[in-house]
Amino acid sequence: MSDEPYRLYYWPGLQGRGELVRLALEAASTPYVDVARLPESEGGGVAALMKLMRGGGPGLEPFAPPFLQSGELVIAQTANILQYLAPRHGLVPDDEASRLRANQLQLTIADLIAEAHDVHHPIASSLYYEDQKPEALRRSQYFVTERIPKYLGHLERVLERNGGRHFVGSALSYVDLSAFQILAGLDHSFPKAMQRIAASIPLLAAMRDRVAGVPSVAAYLASERRVPFNQKGIFRSYPELDVEPTP
């Protein structure tokens, strides 16, 4: 491993998938540089991100952010980055079964994040939300009625089977941190839907609050490093999409 801080590349001004990596780094109190948030005069900005995407750096060309530079390595895909970081910073148990379990859960969380994004962009990411509002409204009915309860119900059961406090092992893991983020995002985007199912996910809710209270995480959430939810990220607030479930 290099003695240099990690270099995280993600779109400036967005939480997005990069936030899952930030939370892991912050929870572990690990130094890193959020490259695209630096001025271009300091080697940052979107230009630095695009340079690596076009092969202007070590390692394979990543398809899309987030990606992480660690010495000569450039690692893309959120779950892949977290699988690399976690054993190096105490965010996953040592045994193979636990690491596989953690990665499996992280990939399920990635599926949920993709579906949450596709509620407001059901046709194409290249179109504005305003260009696909009828389709988004129809998509939201299924997401609120079927998908949120299915995903969170699964995560609640997994948490219960592992003792109710952590998803993997008996200490904070990167899966706990990512689950915290999706709950925060869904609370922001679909507050009515989340209120309706709150009674069915008590363990998830308690875990979310515990994660928010971890000193390193709490300090991050209160800092300017935490990008607020906004209308450019994955979890957006469109009240018209926080619909009543279909019968």
Protein backbone atom coordinates (compact mmCIF):
# COMPACT_ATOMS: atom_id res chain seq x y z
CA MET A 1 0.00 0.00 0.00
CA SER A 2 1.12 3.53 -0.72
CA ASP A 3 1.71 6.00 2.11
CA GLU A 4 -0.11 8.63 0.07
CA PRO A 5 -3.77 9.35 0.86
CA TYR A 6 -6.34 7.60 -1.27
CA ARG A 7 -7.63 9.64 -4.19
CA LEU A 8 -11.39 9.34 -4.67
CA TYR A 9 -12.89 10.40 -7.98
CA TYR A 10 -16.57 11.25 -8.17
CA TRP A 11 -18.70 13.99 -9.67
CA PRO A 12 -18.43 17.18 -7.56
CA GLY A 13 -21.61 18.40 -5.93
CA LEU A 14 -23.22 14.94 -5.73
CA GLN A 15 -23.49 12.27 -3.07
CA GLY A 16 -24.38 9.49 -5.50
CA ARG A 17 -22.56 6.17 -5.38
CA GLY A 18 -19.40 7.93 -4.31
CA GLU A 19 -20.99 8.61 -0.94
CA LEU A 20 -20.80 4.93 -0.03
CA VAL A 21 -17.04 5.10 -0.45
CA ARG A 22 -16.78 8.40 1.43
CA LEU A 23 -18.69 6.93 4.37
CA ALA A 24 -16.30 3.99 4.60
CA LEU A 25 -13.23 6.24 4.47
CA GLU A 26 -14.70 8.66 6.99
CA ALA A 27 -15.83 5.93 9.38
CA ALA A 28 -12.31 4.50 9.37
CA SER A 29 -10.78 7.99 9.81
CA THR A 30 -8.68 7.29 6.74
CA PRO A 31 -7.11 10.23 4.86
CA TYR A 32 -8.31 10.72 1.30
CA VAL A 33 -8.54 13.40 -1.34
CA ASP A 34 -11.91 14.02 -2.99
CA VAL A 35 -10.18 14.94 -6.23
CA ALA A 36 -12.97 16.42 -8.36
CA ARG A 37 -13.93 18.79 -5.54
CA LEU A 38 -10.50 20.42 -5.69
CA PRO A 39 -9.92 23.43 -7.96
CA GLU A 40 -8.51 22.62 -11.38
CA SER A 41 -5.53 24.79 -10.46
CA GLU A 42 -4.71 22.16 -7.80
CA GLY A 43 -5.12 19.22 -10.17
CA GLY A 44 -8.78 18.65 -9.37
CA GLY A 45 -12.13 19.27 -10.98
CA VAL A 46 -13.97 17.19 -13.52
CA ALA A 47 -10.94 17.44 -15.83
CA ALA A 48 -8.90 15.23 -13.48
CA LEU A 49 -11.70 12.69 -13.32
CA MET A 50 -12.10 12.58 -17.10
CA LYS A 51 -8.36 12.20 -17.61
CA LEU A 52 -8.34 8.88 -15.75
CA MET A 53 -11.50 7.72 -17.49
CA ARG A 54 -9.74 8.25 -20.81
CA GLY A 55 -6.70 6.25 -19.82
CA GLY A 56 -4.50 9.07 -18.61
CA GLY A 57 -3.30 7.34 -15.48
CA PRO A 58 -2.26 4.01 -13.94
CA GLY A 59 -4.42 0.91 -14.20
CA LEU A 60 -7.37 0.06 -16.38
CA GLU A 61 -9.66 2.76 -17.71
CA PRO A 62 -12.72 2.93 -15.42
CA PHE A 63 -16.10 3.08 -17.15
CA ALA A 64 -17.65 5.57 -14.74
CA PRO A 65 -17.12 7.10 -11.31
CA PRO A 66 -16.66 6.40 -8.51
CA PHE A 67 -13.14 5.09 -8.75
CA LEU A 68 -10.34 5.07 -6.23
CA GLN A 69 -6.62 5.47 -6.75
CA SER A 70 -4.43 3.65 -4.24
CA GLY A 71 -0.81 3.93 -5.23
CA GLU A 72 -0.57 2.43 -8.72
CA LEU A 73 -4.02 0.84 -8.50
CA VAL A 74 -7.15 2.41 -9.94
CA ILE A 75 -10.24 0.57 -8.72
CA ALA A 76 -13.73 1.17 -10.13
CA GLN A 77 -17.26 0.04 -9.18
CA THR A 78 -18.52 0.89 -5.70
CA ALA A 79 -18.78 -2.66 -4.36
CA ASN A 80 -15.34 -3.46 -5.75
CA ILE A 81 -13.81 -0.38 -4.09
CA LEU A 82 -15.42 -1.24 -0.76
CA GLN A 83 -14.29 -4.84 -1.00
CA TYR A 84 -10.74 -3.52 -1.40
CA LEU A 85 -10.91 -0.94 1.41
CA ALA A 86 -12.81 -2.86 4.06
CA PRO A 87 -10.26 -5.49 5.11
CA ARG A 88 -7.53 -2.85 5.16
CA HIS A 89 -9.44 -0.64 7.58
CA GLY A 90 -11.36 -2.99 9.85
CA LEU A 91 -14.72 -2.69 8.12
CA VAL A 92 -15.31 -6.39 7.45
CA PRO A 93 -14.43 -9.57 9.37
CA ASP A 94 -11.38 -11.59 8.33
CA ASP A 95 -13.05 -14.84 7.29
CA GLU A 96 -13.95 -15.55 3.69
CA ALA A 97 -17.59 -16.37 4.38
CA SER A 98 -18.15 -12.97 6.01
CA ARG A 99 -16.44 -11.15 3.17
CA LEU A 100 -18.57 -12.94 0.60
CA ARG A 101 -21.68 -12.18 2.65
CA ALA A 102 -20.72 -8.52 2.83
CA ASN A 103 -20.13 -8.27 -0.90
CA GLN A 104 -23.40 -10.04 -1.64
CA LEU A 105 -25.32 -7.58 0.52
CA GLN A 106 -23.46 -4.65 -1.02
CA LEU A 107 -24.46 -5.77 -4.50
CA THR A 108 -28.09 -6.02 -3.36
CA ILE A 109 -27.84 -2.46 -2.05
CA ALA A 110 -26.41 -1.44 -5.44
CA ASP A 111 -29.50 -2.90 -7.12
CA LEU A 112 -31.76 -0.86 -4.82
CA ILE A 113 -29.82 2.32 -5.55
CA ALA A 114 -30.16 1.72 -9.29
CA GLU A 115 -33.91 1.25 -8.94
CA ALA A 116 -34.24 4.40 -6.83
CA HIS A 117 -32.44 6.36 -9.54
CA ASP A 118 -34.63 4.90 -12.26
CA VAL A 119 -37.80 6.17 -10.58
CA HIS A 120 -36.99 9.70 -11.71
CA HIS A 121 -35.15 8.62 -14.87
CA PRO A 122 -37.11 5.61 -16.13
CA ILE A 123 -36.48 6.18 -19.85
CA ALA A 124 -32.91 7.46 -20.08
CA SER A 125 -30.31 9.10 -17.86
CA SER A 126 -29.53 11.46 -20.73
CA LEU A 127 -33.02 12.98 -20.56
CA TYR A 128 -34.15 15.50 -17.95
CA TYR A 129 -36.71 14.41 -15.36
CA GLU A 130 -39.11 16.90 -16.93
CA ASP A 131 -38.88 14.95 -20.20
CA GLN A 132 -40.15 11.72 -18.62
CA LYS A 133 -42.51 12.77 -15.84
CA PRO A 134 -45.48 10.57 -16.87
CA GLU A 135 -43.24 7.50 -17.01
CA ALA A 136 -41.60 8.45 -13.71
CA LEU A 137 -44.97 8.72 -12.00
CA ARG A 138 -45.95 5.28 -13.24
CA ARG A 139 -42.58 3.84 -12.18
CA SER A 140 -42.92 5.37 -8.71
CA GLN A 141 -46.14 3.44 -8.06
CA TYR A 142 -44.32 0.14 -8.46
CA PHE A 143 -41.26 1.28 -6.55
CA VAL A 144 -43.26 2.51 -3.56
CA THR A 145 -45.72 -0.38 -3.55
CA GLU A 146 -43.45 -3.30 -4.33
CA ARG A 147 -39.76 -2.58 -4.40
CA ILE A 148 -39.08 -0.52 -1.26
CA PRO A 149 -40.91 -3.01 1.00
CA LYS A 150 -39.25 -5.97 -0.73
CA TYR A 151 -35.71 -4.66 -0.43
CA LEU A 152 -36.01 -3.28 3.08
CA GLY A 153 -37.93 -6.34 4.25
CA HIS A 154 -35.06 -8.51 3.06
CA LEU A 155 -32.46 -6.32 4.78
CA GLU A 156 -34.49 -6.33 8.01
CA ARG A 157 -34.56 -10.15 8.00
CA VAL A 158 -30.84 -10.41 7.28
CA LEU A 159 -30.11 -8.02 10.12
CA GLU A 160 -32.33 -9.97 12.50
CA ARG A 161 -30.63 -13.26 11.64
CA ASN A 162 -27.26 -11.74 12.45
CA GLY A 163 -28.33 -10.58 15.90
CA GLY A 164 -30.06 -7.32 14.98
CA ARG A 165 -27.18 -4.85 15.27
CA HIS A 166 -24.85 -5.44 12.33
CA PHE A 167 -25.18 -7.04 8.93
CA VAL A 168 -21.86 -8.89 9.05
CA GLY A 169 -19.98 -10.04 12.13
CA SER A 170 -20.33 -8.22 15.43
CA ALA A 171 -18.90 -4.79 14.61
CA LEU A 172 -19.48 -1.90 12.22
CA SER A 173 -18.96 -2.93 8.59
CA TYR A 174 -19.15 -1.18 5.26
CA VAL A 175 -22.54 -2.81 4.70
CA ASP A 176 -23.92 -1.05 7.78
CA LEU A 177 -22.62 2.25 6.41
CA SER A 178 -24.14 1.69 2.98
CA ALA A 179 -27.46 0.63 4.51
CA PHE A 180 -27.43 3.85 6.54
CA GLN A 181 -27.00 5.82 3.32
CA ILE A 182 -29.87 4.15 1.46
CA LEU A 183 -32.19 4.68 4.41
CA ALA A 184 -31.21 8.35 4.59
CA GLY A 185 -31.73 8.65 0.85
CA LEU A 186 -35.11 6.94 0.83
CA ASP A 187 -36.23 9.08 3.79
CA HIS A 188 -35.31 12.13 1.72
CA SER A 189 -36.94 11.00 -1.51
CA PHE A 190 -39.96 9.07 -0.24
CA PRO A 191 -40.76 10.27 3.29
CA LYS A 192 -44.43 9.23 3.17
CA ALA A 193 -43.60 5.76 1.87
CA MET A 194 -40.91 5.31 4.52
CA GLN A 195 -43.26 6.43 7.28
CA ARG A 196 -45.79 3.83 6.17
CA ILE A 197 -43.34 0.95 6.49
CA ALA A 198 -41.42 2.25 9.53
CA ALA A 199 -43.11 -0.18 11.92
CA SER A 200 -41.97 -3.15 9.82
CA ILE A 201 -38.25 -2.23 9.87
CA PRO A 202 -37.42 -1.42 13.51
CA LEU A 203 -33.98 -3.04 13.40
CA LEU A 204 -32.98 -1.12 10.28
CA ALA A 205 -34.14 2.13 11.86
CA ALA A 206 -32.18 1.45 15.05
CA MET A 207 -29.08 0.51 13.04
CA ARG A 208 -29.36 3.74 11.02
CA ASP A 209 -29.39 5.76 14.22
CA ARG A 210 -26.43 3.86 15.67
CA VAL A 211 -24.37 4.42 12.53
CA ALA A 212 -25.19 8.13 12.59
CA GLY A 213 -23.92 8.21 16.18
CA VAL A 214 -20.51 6.66 15.48
CA PRO A 215 -18.17 9.55 16.37
CA SER A 216 -16.25 9.59 13.08
CA VAL A 217 -19.47 9.31 11.08
CA ALA A 218 -21.26 11.96 13.14
CA ALA A 219 -18.33 14.35 12.63
CA TYR A 220 -18.48 13.74 8.88
CA LEU A 221 -22.24 14.24 8.67
CA ALA A 222 -21.89 17.58 10.47
CA SER A 223 -19.03 18.75 8.25
CA GLU A 224 -18.88 20.51 4.91
CA ARG A 225 -17.40 17.36 3.42
CA ARG A 226 -20.88 15.80 3.45
CA VAL A 227 -22.59 16.97 0.26
CA PRO A 228 -26.29 17.65 0.97
CA PHE A 229 -28.98 15.73 -0.87
CA ASN A 230 -29.96 17.70 -3.95
CA GLN A 231 -31.87 17.52 -7.21
CA LYS A 232 -28.88 16.28 -9.22
CA GLY A 233 -28.13 13.13 -7.29
CA ILE A 234 -29.65 9.67 -7.03
CA PHE A 235 -31.97 10.45 -4.13
CA ARG A 236 -34.04 13.45 -5.17
CA SER A 237 -37.08 15.04 -3.61
CA TYR A 238 -39.98 15.10 -6.05
CA PRO A 239 -43.09 15.10 -3.82
CA GLU A 240 -45.29 14.06 -6.71
CA LEU A 241 -43.39 10.73 -6.86
CA ASP A 242 -43.93 9.95 -3.16
CA VAL A 243 -47.26 8.39 -4.05
CA GLU A 244 -49.78 6.23 -2.22
CA PRO A 245 -49.23 2.53 -2.84
CA THR A 246 -51.47 0.79 -5.31
CA PRO A 247 -53.98 -1.69 -3.85
